[in-house]
Amino acid sequence: MKIALVGYGQMGHMLRSVAEKRNHKVVLTVDTFAEDADFKPSSPAETAEKIAKSGAEGIIEFSHPSSVIDNIAALLPLKLPLVVGTTGWNDKREEVKKLAEKNSSYIFHSANYSIGVNLFYKIIEQASSLISKYDEYDCALWEAHHTKKLDSPSGTALELAQIVLNNMKSKKTIVTESFHERPKKEELHVSSTRLGNVPGTHTVYFDSSADTIELKHIVRNREGLALGAVRALEWLRAKIDESSLAPGMFSMENILN
């Protein structure tokens, strides 16, 4: 497959390496700041125009939370399968889904493309559902990342929090700020730390007066994330070619089920 990469920082370079190992060809790299990018756009419209002329058969977008929505809006009309790895736009998901359907286009998004993290989601889903039957247990989430991480909390932490809310009857709202008073029972606290070169770490705690159950996932490197994103694009391209998928938004849940 011929692939265009929007965002050519550390993750973009890893994506290129993984894609080429899987016999794909990166025909264009786009980044406003990266010195070695093929193209430095002044607007998302320029990015879309350049990709349209590149011969790309699919797009992977790992840019910046401040530009991702404008990029998506410009890229969806190209009707190429679009995989988005940029996080920090949870509140725009329904808007983007409608935009994809309006353009008869396909977009794939995950807060985390690691296969391990997506298996972790399923583990937390089962654990929170099971523990929900026992009122003595409380729950909280903590995540830590390196200082280059742009959003806080991470998209993965917010995804985990939503899974807990969906399955643990005692939790109703997510709180990401510091508490200055005693937390309410229905509040699920999601806390974040940014430090040095810490790899992505997500921990879910279930705590009672008698014991603590701690479930943790630690990312070892970026390669697993890149591999998941490339696999997502392969899946989306194949489904489109088979005409077995209606336009819209898709996630790792579609691949794992």
Protein backbone atom coordinates (compact mmCIF):
# COMPACT_ATOMS: atom_id res chain seq x y z
CA MET A 1 0.00 0.00 0.00
CA LYS A 2 1.14 3.57 -0.69
CA ILE A 3 0.91 5.54 2.55
CA ALA A 4 0.99 9.24 3.43
CA LEU A 5 2.12 10.18 6.95
CA VAL A 6 0.76 13.39 8.49
CA GLY A 7 3.04 14.17 11.42
CA TYR A 8 6.68 13.19 11.10
CA GLY A 9 8.09 13.38 14.60
CA GLN A 10 9.42 10.39 16.54
CA MET A 11 6.20 8.47 16.04
CA GLY A 12 6.08 9.31 12.34
CA HIS A 13 9.58 7.94 11.85
CA MET A 14 8.66 4.74 13.70
CA LEU A 15 5.53 4.41 11.55
CA ARG A 16 7.64 4.66 8.42
CA SER A 17 10.02 1.98 9.66
CA VAL A 18 7.22 -0.42 10.58
CA ALA A 19 5.27 0.23 7.36
CA GLU A 20 8.30 -0.45 5.20
CA LYS A 21 9.08 -3.66 7.11
CA ARG A 22 5.55 -4.76 6.17
CA ASN A 23 6.27 -4.03 2.49
CA HIS A 24 4.33 -0.78 2.24
CA LYS A 25 5.68 2.36 0.59
CA VAL A 26 5.58 5.75 2.28
CA VAL A 27 5.01 8.15 -0.62
CA LEU A 28 4.72 11.37 1.41
CA THR A 29 5.61 12.69 4.86
CA VAL A 30 3.97 15.93 6.03
CA ASP A 31 4.99 18.01 9.03
CA THR A 32 5.08 21.74 9.70
CA PHE A 33 8.28 21.56 11.76
CA ALA A 34 10.22 18.35 10.99
CA GLU A 35 13.30 19.22 8.95
CA ASP A 36 13.28 15.91 7.07
CA ALA A 37 9.58 15.92 6.15
CA ASP A 38 8.82 15.87 2.43
CA PHE A 39 6.33 18.71 2.73
CA LYS A 40 5.80 21.53 5.22
CA PRO A 41 2.22 22.80 4.84
CA SER A 42 0.91 26.18 5.83
CA SER A 43 -2.65 24.83 6.17
CA PRO A 44 -4.57 21.51 6.35
CA ALA A 45 -5.98 22.29 2.89
CA GLU A 46 -2.43 22.28 1.49
CA THR A 47 -1.81 18.94 3.20
CA ALA A 48 -4.91 17.44 1.58
CA GLU A 49 -3.99 18.82 -1.84
CA LYS A 50 -0.47 17.37 -1.62
CA ILE A 51 -1.74 13.95 -0.50
CA ALA A 52 -4.30 13.89 -3.32
CA LYS A 53 -1.44 14.28 -5.82
CA SER A 54 0.87 11.76 -4.10
CA GLY A 55 -0.88 8.57 -5.16
CA ALA A 56 -1.40 7.56 -1.52
CA GLU A 57 -3.89 4.76 -0.88
CA GLY A 58 -4.14 5.42 2.85
CA ILE A 59 -3.23 8.05 5.48
CA ILE A 60 -1.90 7.81 9.01
CA GLU A 61 -2.21 11.00 11.09
CA PHE A 62 -0.09 11.48 14.23
CA SER A 63 0.20 15.25 14.54
CA HIS A 64 -0.81 17.55 17.43
CA PRO A 65 -4.06 17.95 19.41
CA SER A 66 -4.30 21.59 18.28
CA SER A 67 -4.37 20.67 14.58
CA VAL A 68 -5.94 17.21 14.45
CA ILE A 69 -9.59 18.26 13.94
CA ASP A 70 -8.69 20.64 11.11
CA ASN A 71 -6.57 17.88 9.55
CA ILE A 72 -9.41 15.37 9.77
CA ALA A 73 -11.88 17.82 8.22
CA ALA A 74 -9.49 18.45 5.32
CA LEU A 75 -8.54 14.80 4.77
CA LEU A 76 -11.92 13.03 4.95
CA PRO A 77 -13.14 14.45 1.59
CA LEU A 78 -10.21 12.61 -0.08
CA LYS A 79 -12.14 9.38 0.67
CA LEU A 80 -8.92 7.56 1.55
CA PRO A 81 -8.82 5.31 4.64
CA LEU A 82 -7.63 7.54 7.47
CA VAL A 83 -6.03 6.27 10.68
CA VAL A 84 -5.72 8.91 13.42
CA GLY A 85 -3.41 8.39 16.37
CA THR A 86 -3.46 11.95 17.74
CA THR A 87 -5.37 12.14 21.03
CA GLY A 88 -6.93 15.01 22.96
CA TRP A 89 -10.19 15.32 20.97
CA ASN A 90 -12.56 12.99 22.87
CA ASP A 91 -15.22 15.71 23.00
CA LYS A 92 -15.31 15.87 19.17
CA ARG A 93 -15.84 12.17 18.46
CA GLU A 94 -19.51 12.41 17.50
CA GLU A 95 -18.80 15.43 15.32
CA VAL A 96 -16.02 13.56 13.49
CA LYS A 97 -18.15 10.45 13.06
CA LYS A 98 -20.90 12.50 11.42
CA LEU A 99 -18.31 14.21 9.22
CA ALA A 100 -17.02 10.81 8.04
CA GLU A 101 -20.55 9.64 7.23
CA LYS A 102 -21.35 12.91 5.43
CA ASN A 103 -18.25 12.49 3.23
CA SER A 104 -18.85 8.74 2.74
CA SER A 105 -15.37 8.28 4.21
CA TYR A 106 -13.66 5.95 6.66
CA ILE A 107 -11.76 6.99 9.77
CA PHE A 108 -10.09 4.75 12.34
CA HIS A 109 -9.24 6.13 15.76
CA SER A 110 -7.88 4.67 18.97
CA ALA A 111 -6.54 6.35 22.07
CA ASN A 112 -3.82 3.70 21.95
CA TYR A 113 -2.88 1.37 19.09
CA SER A 114 -0.96 -1.13 21.20
CA ILE A 115 -2.53 -4.60 20.96
CA GLY A 116 -1.55 -5.09 24.61
CA VAL A 117 -3.36 -1.93 25.70
CA ASN A 118 -6.49 -2.97 23.85
CA LEU A 119 -6.38 -6.35 25.55
CA PHE A 120 -5.91 -4.40 28.80
CA TYR A 121 -9.15 -2.54 28.03
CA LYS A 122 -10.96 -5.86 27.92
CA ILE A 123 -9.34 -7.00 31.18
CA ILE A 124 -10.46 -3.78 32.92
CA GLU A 125 -13.95 -4.17 31.47
CA GLN A 126 -14.26 -7.65 32.98
CA ALA A 127 -12.59 -6.67 36.27
CA SER A 128 -14.75 -3.58 36.87
CA SER A 129 -17.90 -5.51 36.00
CA LEU A 130 -16.97 -8.28 38.46
CA ILE A 131 -15.86 -5.94 41.26
CA SER A 132 -18.97 -3.78 40.80
CA LYS A 133 -20.92 -6.50 42.65
CA TYR A 134 -18.99 -5.71 45.84
CA ASP A 135 -19.79 -2.30 47.35
CA GLU A 136 -16.72 -2.26 49.59
CA TYR A 137 -14.40 -1.61 46.64
CA ASP A 138 -13.49 1.84 45.39
CA CYS A 139 -11.64 2.54 42.13
CA ALA A 140 -9.15 5.09 40.78
CA LEU A 141 -6.76 5.42 37.81
CA TRP A 142 -3.25 6.78 37.57
CA GLU A 143 -1.15 7.31 34.45
CA ALA A 144 2.44 8.45 33.92
CA HIS A 145 4.26 9.53 30.75
CA HIS A 146 7.43 11.27 29.60
CA THR A 147 7.49 15.08 29.47
CA LYS A 148 7.03 15.13 25.67
CA LYS A 149 3.48 13.84 26.06
CA LEU A 150 1.20 16.67 24.93
CA ASP A 151 -2.13 15.83 26.56
CA SER A 152 -3.03 15.09 30.16
CA PRO A 153 -4.67 12.83 31.15
CA SER A 154 -3.74 10.54 28.31
CA GLY A 155 -6.41 9.40 25.86
CA THR A 156 -5.77 5.86 27.08
CA ALA A 157 -6.50 6.85 30.70
CA LEU A 158 -9.76 8.51 29.67
CA GLU A 159 -10.72 5.42 27.67
CA LEU A 160 -10.03 3.22 30.71
CA ALA A 161 -12.05 5.58 32.90
CA GLN A 162 -15.01 5.37 30.55
CA ILE A 163 -14.80 1.57 30.63
CA VAL A 164 -14.95 1.67 34.44
CA LEU A 165 -17.93 4.04 34.34
CA ASN A 166 -19.73 1.72 31.93
CA ASN A 167 -19.24 -1.30 34.19
CA MET A 168 -18.99 -0.12 37.80
CA LYS A 169 -22.38 1.02 39.08
CA SER A 170 -20.95 3.13 41.92
CA LYS A 171 -19.02 5.45 39.55
CA LYS A 172 -20.85 8.18 37.62
CA THR A 173 -18.37 10.97 36.81
CA ILE A 174 -14.67 11.34 35.93
CA VAL A 175 -12.55 13.86 37.86
CA THR A 176 -9.15 14.75 36.39
CA GLU A 177 -8.31 17.72 38.64
CA SER A 178 -6.88 17.66 42.15
CA PHE A 179 -9.36 17.18 44.98
CA HIS A 180 -9.63 19.98 47.54
CA GLU A 181 -12.31 18.21 49.52
CA ARG A 182 -13.30 14.66 50.25
CA PRO A 183 -14.20 12.90 46.97
CA LYS A 184 -17.77 11.76 46.48
CA LYS A 185 -18.32 8.02 46.16
CA GLU A 186 -19.58 8.36 42.58
CA GLU A 187 -16.46 10.28 41.43
CA LEU A 188 -13.73 8.34 39.60
CA HIS A 189 -10.37 10.04 40.05
CA VAL A 190 -7.94 9.96 37.09
CA SER A 191 -4.54 11.42 38.00
CA SER A 192 -1.50 12.08 35.81
CA THR A 193 2.25 12.45 36.17
CA ARG A 194 4.72 13.78 33.58
CA LEU A 195 8.35 12.93 34.29
CA GLY A 196 11.58 12.61 32.31
CA ASN A 197 11.48 9.66 29.92
CA VAL A 198 8.92 7.54 31.75
CA PRO A 199 7.24 5.08 29.34
CA GLY A 200 3.45 5.11 29.09
CA THR A 201 2.16 3.53 32.32
CA HIS A 202 -1.51 3.03 33.18
CA THR A 203 -2.65 1.61 36.51
CA VAL A 204 -6.19 0.85 37.67
CA TYR A 205 -6.71 0.38 41.41
CA PHE A 206 -9.59 -1.40 43.11
CA ASP A 207 -9.31 -0.80 46.84
CA SER A 208 -11.13 -1.94 49.96
CA SER A 209 -10.32 -1.75 53.67
CA ALA A 210 -9.03 -5.32 53.44
CA ASP A 211 -6.95 -5.28 50.26
CA THR A 212 -5.97 -3.62 46.99
CA ILE A 213 -6.18 -5.06 43.50
CA GLU A 214 -3.79 -3.30 41.12
CA LEU A 215 -3.85 -3.85 37.33
CA LYS A 216 -1.10 -2.22 35.28
CA HIS A 217 0.07 -1.87 31.68
CA ILE A 218 3.51 -0.45 30.78
CA VAL A 219 4.54 0.37 27.22
CA ARG A 220 8.09 -0.80 26.50
CA ASN A 221 8.59 1.19 23.26
CA ARG A 222 6.78 2.97 20.43
CA GLU A 223 7.07 0.09 17.98
CA GLY A 224 3.96 -1.65 19.32
CA LEU A 225 1.95 1.55 18.83
CA ALA A 226 3.24 1.99 15.28
CA LEU A 227 2.54 -1.64 14.41
CA GLY A 228 -1.04 -1.34 15.66
CA ALA A 229 -1.62 1.81 13.59
CA VAL A 230 -0.25 0.21 10.42
CA ARG A 231 -2.35 -2.90 11.03
CA ALA A 232 -5.40 -0.66 11.50
CA LEU A 233 -4.77 0.93 8.10
CA GLU A 234 -4.32 -2.51 6.50
CA TRP A 235 -7.62 -3.65 8.03
CA LEU A 236 -9.47 -0.52 6.90
CA ARG A 237 -8.06 -0.67 3.36
CA ALA A 238 -8.96 -4.36 3.04
CA LYS A 239 -12.52 -3.83 4.29
CA ILE A 240 -13.04 -0.94 1.87
CA ASP A 241 -11.70 -2.99 -1.03
CA GLU A 242 -14.07 -5.83 -0.09
CA SER A 243 -16.98 -3.33 0.07
CA SER A 244 -17.87 -4.92 3.41
CA LEU A 245 -17.87 -1.75 5.51
CA ALA A 246 -20.23 1.22 5.62
CA PRO A 247 -18.57 4.65 5.95
CA GLY A 248 -18.00 5.92 9.47
CA MET A 249 -15.66 5.71 12.46
CA PHE A 250 -13.92 2.54 13.59
CA SER A 251 -11.63 1.48 16.45
CA MET A 252 -9.43 -1.36 17.71
CA GLU A 253 -12.59 -2.92 19.09
CA ASN A 254 -13.59 -3.69 15.47
CA ILE A 255 -10.32 -5.51 14.85
CA LEU A 256 -10.21 -7.50 18.09
CA ASN A 257 -13.82 -8.71 17.93
